[in-house]
Amino acid sequence: MAIRRGEWVETPFAIEILSESESYEYVTEKIQDYFDADAKQVWYIALRQRRIYAYTSATELTDFKADMNISTTPLLSDFQFVTSDLFA
């Protein structure tokens, strides 16, 4: 779920920026909430570590770093980039 104009709405894809103040427990609960609301992918961007953690379920993730290509396929077939480009 995401908030749009003060209302909760379902979202198939979510992107979150990881805050240094967020606990591991808080992040895993939030990821679970997205998948409980029928999300298909959730990305957590860790700016300090220059990584993107791409979840396809609450327990399955891929750690994207350096020059790895990341995409939202099959959700958005034309949304893709090299991970390092985000942190340039």
C-alpha atoms as a PDB file:
ATOM      1  CA  MET A   1       0.000   0.000   0.000  1.00  0.00           C
ATOM      2  CA  ALA A   2       1.058   3.542  -0.608  1.00  0.00           C
ATOM      3  CA  ILE A   3      -0.409   6.845   0.416  1.00  0.00           C
ATOM      4  CA  ARG A   4      -1.777   9.073  -2.329  1.00  0.00           C
ATOM      5  CA  ARG A   5      -3.529  12.301  -1.355  1.00  0.00           C
ATOM      6  CA  GLY A   6      -3.961  11.018   2.190  1.00  0.00           C
ATOM      7  CA  GLU A   7      -5.595   7.737   1.090  1.00  0.00           C
ATOM      8  CA  TRP A   8      -4.092   4.245   1.139  1.00  0.00           C
ATOM      9  CA  VAL A   9      -3.924   2.713  -2.362  1.00  0.00           C
ATOM     10  CA  GLU A  10      -2.594  -0.591  -3.660  1.00  0.00           C
ATOM     11  CA  THR A  11       0.670  -0.454  -5.574  1.00  0.00           C
ATOM     12  CA  PRO A  12       2.329  -3.251  -7.568  1.00  0.00           C
ATOM     13  CA  PHE A  13       5.752  -1.607  -7.278  1.00  0.00           C
ATOM     14  CA  ALA A  14       7.275   0.455  -4.481  1.00  0.00           C
ATOM     15  CA  ILE A  15      10.583   2.237  -4.017  1.00  0.00           C
ATOM     16  CA  GLU A  16      11.835   3.266  -0.587  1.00  0.00           C
ATOM     17  CA  ILE A  17      14.971   5.167   0.392  1.00  0.00           C
ATOM     18  CA  LEU A  18      16.570   3.445   3.363  1.00  0.00           C
ATOM     19  CA  SER A  19      17.072   5.784   6.278  1.00  0.00           C
ATOM     20  CA  GLU A  20      19.950   5.302   8.693  1.00  0.00           C
ATOM     21  CA  SER A  21      17.444   5.556  11.546  1.00  0.00           C
ATOM     22  CA  GLU A  22      15.250   2.668  10.334  1.00  0.00           C
ATOM     23  CA  SER A  23      15.728  -0.582  12.197  1.00  0.00           C
ATOM     24  CA  TYR A  24      15.976  -3.925  10.417  1.00  0.00           C
ATOM     25  CA  GLU A  25      12.721  -4.948  12.111  1.00  0.00           C
ATOM     26  CA  TYR A  26      10.921  -1.832  10.862  1.00  0.00           C
ATOM     27  CA  VAL A  27      12.128  -2.357   7.285  1.00  0.00           C
ATOM     28  CA  THR A  28      11.147  -6.044   7.206  1.00  0.00           C
ATOM     29  CA  GLU A  29       7.699  -5.212   8.601  1.00  0.00           C
ATOM     30  CA  LYS A  30       7.220  -2.530   5.955  1.00  0.00           C
ATOM     31  CA  ILE A  31       8.292  -4.912   3.181  1.00  0.00           C
ATOM     32  CA  GLN A  32       5.856  -7.509   4.499  1.00  0.00           C
ATOM     33  CA  ASP A  33       3.098  -4.874   4.505  1.00  0.00           C
ATOM     34  CA  TYR A  34       3.719  -4.125   0.819  1.00  0.00           C
ATOM     35  CA  PHE A  35       3.511  -7.797  -0.140  1.00  0.00           C
ATOM     36  CA  ASP A  36       0.447  -8.331   2.052  1.00  0.00           C
ATOM     37  CA  ALA A  37      -1.119  -5.561  -0.061  1.00  0.00           C
ATOM     38  CA  ASP A  38      -0.272  -7.466  -3.290  1.00  0.00           C
ATOM     39  CA  ALA A  39       2.914  -5.651  -4.297  1.00  0.00           C
ATOM     40  CA  LYS A  40       4.957  -7.531  -6.900  1.00  0.00           C
ATOM     41  CA  GLN A  41       8.285  -5.754  -6.330  1.00  0.00           C
ATOM     42  CA  VAL A  42       9.726  -3.554  -3.607  1.00  0.00           C
ATOM     43  CA  TRP A  43      13.050  -1.781  -3.939  1.00  0.00           C
ATOM     44  CA  TYR A  44      14.956  -0.450  -0.965  1.00  0.00           C
ATOM     45  CA  ILE A  45      17.687   1.982  -1.981  1.00  0.00           C
ATOM     46  CA  ALA A  46      20.616   2.172   0.429  1.00  0.00           C
ATOM     47  CA  LEU A  47      22.352   5.401  -0.537  1.00  0.00           C
ATOM     48  CA  ARG A  48      25.307   5.057   1.805  1.00  0.00           C
ATOM     49  CA  GLN A  49      26.066   1.515   0.633  1.00  0.00           C
ATOM     50  CA  ARG A  50      25.255   2.363  -2.997  1.00  0.00           C
ATOM     51  CA  ARG A  51      22.999  -0.664  -3.310  1.00  0.00           C
ATOM     52  CA  ILE A  52      19.458  -1.456  -4.292  1.00  0.00           C
ATOM     53  CA  TYR A  53      17.755  -4.355  -2.568  1.00  0.00           C
ATOM     54  CA  ALA A  54      15.055  -5.621  -4.918  1.00  0.00           C
ATOM     55  CA  TYR A  55      12.440  -7.814  -3.245  1.00  0.00           C
ATOM     56  CA  THR A  56      10.120 -10.087  -5.212  1.00  0.00           C
ATOM     57  CA  SER A  57       8.566 -11.417  -2.008  1.00  0.00           C
ATOM     58  CA  ALA A  58       8.980 -10.592   1.662  1.00  0.00           C
ATOM     59  CA  THR A  59      11.815 -13.130   1.867  1.00  0.00           C
ATOM     60  CA  GLU A  60      13.348 -13.154  -1.630  1.00  0.00           C
ATOM     61  CA  LEU A  61      15.667 -10.375  -2.704  1.00  0.00           C
ATOM     62  CA  THR A  62      18.484  -9.549  -5.070  1.00  0.00           C
ATOM     63  CA  ASP A  63      21.276  -7.210  -4.001  1.00  0.00           C
ATOM     64  CA  PHE A  64      22.141  -4.881  -6.906  1.00  0.00           C
ATOM     65  CA  LYS A  65      25.429  -2.992  -6.735  1.00  0.00           C
ATOM     66  CA  ALA A  66      28.157  -1.464  -8.917  1.00  0.00           C
ATOM     67  CA  ASP A  67      27.540  -2.012 -12.637  1.00  0.00           C
ATOM     68  CA  MET A  68      24.647  -4.444 -12.374  1.00  0.00           C
ATOM     69  CA  ASN A  69      21.581  -3.857 -14.551  1.00  0.00           C
ATOM     70  CA  ILE A  70      18.292  -3.541 -12.672  1.00  0.00           C
ATOM     71  CA  SER A  71      14.786  -3.508 -14.122  1.00  0.00           C
ATOM     72  CA  THR A  72      11.170  -3.851 -13.102  1.00  0.00           C
ATOM     73  CA  THR A  73      10.414  -6.493 -15.714  1.00  0.00           C
ATOM     74  CA  PRO A  74       7.754  -7.804 -16.103  1.00  0.00           C
ATOM     75  CA  LEU A  75       5.902  -4.940 -14.380  1.00  0.00           C
ATOM     76  CA  LEU A  76       7.414  -2.070 -16.381  1.00  0.00           C
ATOM     77  CA  SER A  77       9.388  -3.477 -19.286  1.00  0.00           C
ATOM     78  CA  ASP A  78      11.085  -0.192 -20.203  1.00  0.00           C
ATOM     79  CA  PHE A  79      12.217   0.845 -16.692  1.00  0.00           C
ATOM     80  CA  GLN A  80      15.810  -0.305 -16.355  1.00  0.00           C
ATOM     81  CA  PHE A  81      19.226   1.170 -15.654  1.00  0.00           C
ATOM     82  CA  VAL A  82      22.726   0.387 -14.420  1.00  0.00           C
ATOM     83  CA  THR A  83      22.785   0.562 -10.620  1.00  0.00           C
ATOM     84  CA  SER A  84      25.889   2.771 -10.468  1.00  0.00           C
ATOM     85  CA  ASP A  85      24.099   5.399 -12.633  1.00  0.00           C
ATOM     86  CA  LEU A  86      21.706   6.075  -9.767  1.00  0.00           C
ATOM     87  CA  PHE A  87      24.562   6.942  -7.445  1.00  0.00           C
ATOM     88  CA  ALA A  88      26.654   8.988  -9.910  1.00  0.00           C
END
